[in-house]
Amino acid sequence: MSEKLAAIIEQLKELTLFETAELVKQIELVFGVDTSVSVAVSSGPVAAAPVIAEVVEEKSSFDITLTEVPADKKIAILKIVRNVTGLGLKESKEIVDNVPKLVKEGASKEESEKIKAELETAGAKVTIK
């Protein structure tokens, strides 16, 4: 293996999962390849794209954090938090009053998107990690 390729491999080893996903997207855009399907190994830089795609695992568990609650929307947001978490009024109020605060941990992608949409519709700001 050439020194140039060895240096690239070492840099790839240092990437975070998020950075690796971004790299795969950029390789798809720049080289016009689809990394979601298996491709026979060919010569040239495009051959590395499918290998990189296999390293990236799709995240299946998400944490929903309430980051901002407007004062005039607290009651509506509180009702949604109670509904989503199953907590009592006091515990839900504590979440809404002390943002940023974790609302739900380990939610599926669909569930987290649904919760985020509900909270944002009520006026809250939410992040999913």
C-alpha atoms as a PDB file:
ATOM      1  CA  MET A   1       0.000   0.000   0.000  1.00  0.00           C
ATOM      2  CA  SER A   2       1.308   3.451  -0.873  1.00  0.00           C
ATOM      3  CA  GLU A   3       2.114   6.048   1.790  1.00  0.00           C
ATOM      4  CA  LYS A   4      -0.721   8.201   0.489  1.00  0.00           C
ATOM      5  CA  LEU A   5      -3.284   5.416   1.009  1.00  0.00           C
ATOM      6  CA  ALA A   6      -1.843   4.526   4.419  1.00  0.00           C
ATOM      7  CA  ALA A   7      -2.231   8.162   5.503  1.00  0.00           C
ATOM      8  CA  ILE A   8      -5.844   8.220   4.317  1.00  0.00           C
ATOM      9  CA  ILE A   9      -6.611   4.985   6.192  1.00  0.00           C
ATOM     10  CA  GLU A  10      -5.129   6.435   9.386  1.00  0.00           C
ATOM     11  CA  GLN A  11      -7.264   9.562   9.007  1.00  0.00           C
ATOM     12  CA  LEU A  12     -10.374   7.434   8.474  1.00  0.00           C
ATOM     13  CA  LYS A  13      -9.681   5.567  11.714  1.00  0.00           C
ATOM     14  CA  GLU A  14      -9.846   8.864  13.631  1.00  0.00           C
ATOM     15  CA  LEU A  15     -13.278   9.897  12.310  1.00  0.00           C
ATOM     16  CA  THR A  16     -16.312   9.863  14.559  1.00  0.00           C
ATOM     17  CA  LEU A  17     -19.425   7.984  13.483  1.00  0.00           C
ATOM     18  CA  PHE A  18     -21.098  11.251  12.497  1.00  0.00           C
ATOM     19  CA  GLU A  19     -18.073  12.366  10.474  1.00  0.00           C
ATOM     20  CA  THR A  20     -17.961   8.983   8.732  1.00  0.00           C
ATOM     21  CA  ALA A  21     -21.625   9.306   7.739  1.00  0.00           C
ATOM     22  CA  GLU A  22     -20.939  12.772   6.341  1.00  0.00           C
ATOM     23  CA  LEU A  23     -17.942  11.421   4.429  1.00  0.00           C
ATOM     24  CA  VAL A  24     -20.077   8.707   2.836  1.00  0.00           C
ATOM     25  CA  LYS A  25     -22.654  11.306   1.753  1.00  0.00           C
ATOM     26  CA  GLN A  26     -19.932  13.433   0.189  1.00  0.00           C
ATOM     27  CA  ILE A  27     -18.400  10.441  -1.608  1.00  0.00           C
ATOM     28  CA  GLU A  28     -21.846   9.622  -3.021  1.00  0.00           C
ATOM     29  CA  LEU A  29     -22.280  13.206  -4.243  1.00  0.00           C
ATOM     30  CA  VAL A  30     -18.796  13.733  -5.647  1.00  0.00           C
ATOM     31  CA  PHE A  31     -18.377  10.363  -7.354  1.00  0.00           C
ATOM     32  CA  GLY A  32     -22.031   9.679  -8.189  1.00  0.00           C
ATOM     33  CA  VAL A  33     -22.161   6.315  -6.421  1.00  0.00           C
ATOM     34  CA  ASP A  34     -24.819   4.650  -4.296  1.00  0.00           C
ATOM     35  CA  THR A  35     -23.250   3.114  -1.177  1.00  0.00           C
ATOM     36  CA  SER A  36     -26.475   1.454  -0.068  1.00  0.00           C
ATOM     37  CA  VAL A  37     -25.941  -1.473  -2.450  1.00  0.00           C
ATOM     38  CA  SER A  38     -23.029  -3.886  -2.708  1.00  0.00           C
ATOM     39  CA  VAL A  39     -20.691  -3.142  -5.561  1.00  0.00           C
ATOM     40  CA  ALA A  40     -18.007  -5.407  -6.966  1.00  0.00           C
ATOM     41  CA  VAL A  41     -14.568  -4.095  -6.078  1.00  0.00           C
ATOM     42  CA  SER A  42     -13.077  -2.107  -8.909  1.00  0.00           C
ATOM     43  CA  SER A  43      -9.897  -0.135  -9.249  1.00  0.00           C
ATOM     44  CA  GLY A  44      -9.863   3.542  -8.402  1.00  0.00           C
ATOM     45  CA  PRO A  45     -11.094   5.755  -5.574  1.00  0.00           C
ATOM     46  CA  VAL A  46     -14.767   4.782  -6.004  1.00  0.00           C
ATOM     47  CA  ALA A  47     -14.067   1.261  -4.704  1.00  0.00           C
ATOM     48  CA  ALA A  48     -13.587   2.601  -1.157  1.00  0.00           C
ATOM     49  CA  ALA A  49     -17.120   4.010  -0.887  1.00  0.00           C
ATOM     50  CA  PRO A  50     -18.980   0.723  -0.258  1.00  0.00           C
ATOM     51  CA  VAL A  51     -16.435  -0.275   2.366  1.00  0.00           C
ATOM     52  CA  ILE A  52     -16.930   2.988   4.254  1.00  0.00           C
ATOM     53  CA  ALA A  53     -20.712   2.596   4.101  1.00  0.00           C
ATOM     54  CA  GLU A  54     -20.497  -0.713   5.911  1.00  0.00           C
ATOM     55  CA  VAL A  55     -18.668   0.946   8.818  1.00  0.00           C
ATOM     56  CA  VAL A  56     -21.533   3.391   9.406  1.00  0.00           C
ATOM     57  CA  GLU A  57     -24.255   1.844  11.505  1.00  0.00           C
ATOM     58  CA  GLU A  58     -27.622   3.537  11.599  1.00  0.00           C
ATOM     59  CA  LYS A  59     -28.513   4.800  15.016  1.00  0.00           C
ATOM     60  CA  SER A  60     -31.611   3.103  16.419  1.00  0.00           C
ATOM     61  CA  SER A  61     -31.992   4.780  19.800  1.00  0.00           C
ATOM     62  CA  PHE A  62     -32.543   8.517  20.278  1.00  0.00           C
ATOM     63  CA  ASP A  63     -32.751  10.906  23.245  1.00  0.00           C
ATOM     64  CA  ILE A  64     -35.234  13.775  23.051  1.00  0.00           C
ATOM     65  CA  THR A  65     -34.251  16.945  24.916  1.00  0.00           C
ATOM     66  CA  LEU A  66     -36.521  19.912  25.539  1.00  0.00           C
ATOM     67  CA  THR A  67     -34.319  22.968  24.965  1.00  0.00           C
ATOM     68  CA  GLU A  68     -36.672  25.934  25.041  1.00  0.00           C
ATOM     69  CA  VAL A  69     -40.190  26.555  26.314  1.00  0.00           C
ATOM     70  CA  PRO A  70     -41.927  29.912  25.714  1.00  0.00           C
ATOM     71  CA  ALA A  71     -43.700  31.132  28.871  1.00  0.00           C
ATOM     72  CA  ASP A  72     -47.067  31.469  27.117  1.00  0.00           C
ATOM     73  CA  LYS A  73     -46.913  27.866  25.800  1.00  0.00           C
ATOM     74  CA  LYS A  74     -45.932  26.060  29.025  1.00  0.00           C
ATOM     75  CA  ILE A  75     -49.323  24.477  29.721  1.00  0.00           C
ATOM     76  CA  ALA A  76     -49.682  22.966  26.243  1.00  0.00           C
ATOM     77  CA  ILE A  77     -46.105  21.682  26.331  1.00  0.00           C
ATOM     78  CA  LEU A  78     -46.594  20.334  29.868  1.00  0.00           C
ATOM     79  CA  LYS A  79     -49.574  18.262  28.683  1.00  0.00           C
ATOM     80  CA  ILE A  80     -47.513  16.753  25.866  1.00  0.00           C
ATOM     81  CA  VAL A  81     -44.590  15.981  28.208  1.00  0.00           C
ATOM     82  CA  ARG A  82     -46.982  14.231  30.632  1.00  0.00           C
ATOM     83  CA  ASN A  83     -48.474  12.244  27.758  1.00  0.00           C
ATOM     84  CA  VAL A  84     -45.102  11.236  26.311  1.00  0.00           C
ATOM     85  CA  THR A  85     -43.338  10.365  29.561  1.00  0.00           C
ATOM     86  CA  GLY A  86     -46.196   9.011  31.638  1.00  0.00           C
ATOM     87  CA  LEU A  87     -44.936  11.102  34.543  1.00  0.00           C
ATOM     88  CA  GLY A  88     -47.119  12.925  37.014  1.00  0.00           C
ATOM     89  CA  LEU A  89     -47.913  16.628  36.906  1.00  0.00           C
ATOM     90  CA  LYS A  90     -45.152  17.609  39.338  1.00  0.00           C
ATOM     91  CA  GLU A  91     -42.416  15.689  37.505  1.00  0.00           C
ATOM     92  CA  SER A  92     -43.573  16.937  34.104  1.00  0.00           C
ATOM     93  CA  LYS A  93     -43.686  20.517  35.353  1.00  0.00           C
ATOM     94  CA  GLU A  94     -40.115  20.140  36.612  1.00  0.00           C
ATOM     95  CA  ILE A  95     -38.985  19.116  33.112  1.00  0.00           C
ATOM     96  CA  VAL A  96     -40.779  22.033  31.452  1.00  0.00           C
ATOM     97  CA  ASP A  97     -39.552  24.579  34.021  1.00  0.00           C
ATOM     98  CA  ASN A  98     -35.894  23.487  33.960  1.00  0.00           C
ATOM     99  CA  VAL A  99     -34.877  23.362  30.301  1.00  0.00           C
ATOM    100  CA  PRO A 100     -32.708  22.033  28.763  1.00  0.00           C
ATOM    101  CA  LYS A 101     -34.024  18.748  30.097  1.00  0.00           C
ATOM    102  CA  LEU A 102     -34.194  15.183  28.795  1.00  0.00           C
ATOM    103  CA  VAL A 103     -37.788  14.252  27.964  1.00  0.00           C
ATOM    104  CA  LYS A 104     -37.380  10.695  26.694  1.00  0.00           C
ATOM    105  CA  GLU A 105     -34.381   8.410  26.449  1.00  0.00           C
ATOM    106  CA  GLY A 106     -33.869   5.521  24.031  1.00  0.00           C
ATOM    107  CA  ALA A 107     -36.814   6.283  21.739  1.00  0.00           C
ATOM    108  CA  SER A 108     -37.053   4.806  18.249  1.00  0.00           C
ATOM    109  CA  LYS A 109     -36.517   7.050  15.249  1.00  0.00           C
ATOM    110  CA  GLU A 110     -40.242   7.160  14.434  1.00  0.00           C
ATOM    111  CA  GLU A 111     -41.226   7.821  18.042  1.00  0.00           C
ATOM    112  CA  SER A 112     -38.627  10.547  18.486  1.00  0.00           C
ATOM    113  CA  GLU A 113     -39.729  12.320  15.290  1.00  0.00           C
ATOM    114  CA  LYS A 114     -43.376  12.128  16.414  1.00  0.00           C
ATOM    115  CA  ILE A 115     -42.584  13.535  19.867  1.00  0.00           C
ATOM    116  CA  LYS A 116     -40.440  16.298  18.364  1.00  0.00           C
ATOM    117  CA  ALA A 117     -43.225  17.271  15.958  1.00  0.00           C
ATOM    118  CA  GLU A 118     -45.802  17.381  18.773  1.00  0.00           C
ATOM    119  CA  LEU A 119     -43.624  19.524  21.011  1.00  0.00           C
ATOM    120  CA  GLU A 120     -42.607  21.893  18.219  1.00  0.00           C
ATOM    121  CA  THR A 121     -46.231  22.297  17.161  1.00  0.00           C
ATOM    122  CA  ALA A 122     -46.993  23.372  20.734  1.00  0.00           C
ATOM    123  CA  GLY A 123     -44.170  25.951  20.525  1.00  0.00           C
ATOM    124  CA  ALA A 124     -41.228  24.193  22.188  1.00  0.00           C
ATOM    125  CA  LYS A 125     -37.730  23.787  20.807  1.00  0.00           C
ATOM    126  CA  VAL A 126     -36.427  20.225  20.851  1.00  0.00           C
ATOM    127  CA  THR A 127     -33.209  18.427  19.968  1.00  0.00           C
ATOM    128  CA  ILE A 128     -32.785  14.757  19.164  1.00  0.00           C
ATOM    129  CA  LYS A 129     -29.443  13.061  19.791  1.00  0.00           C
END
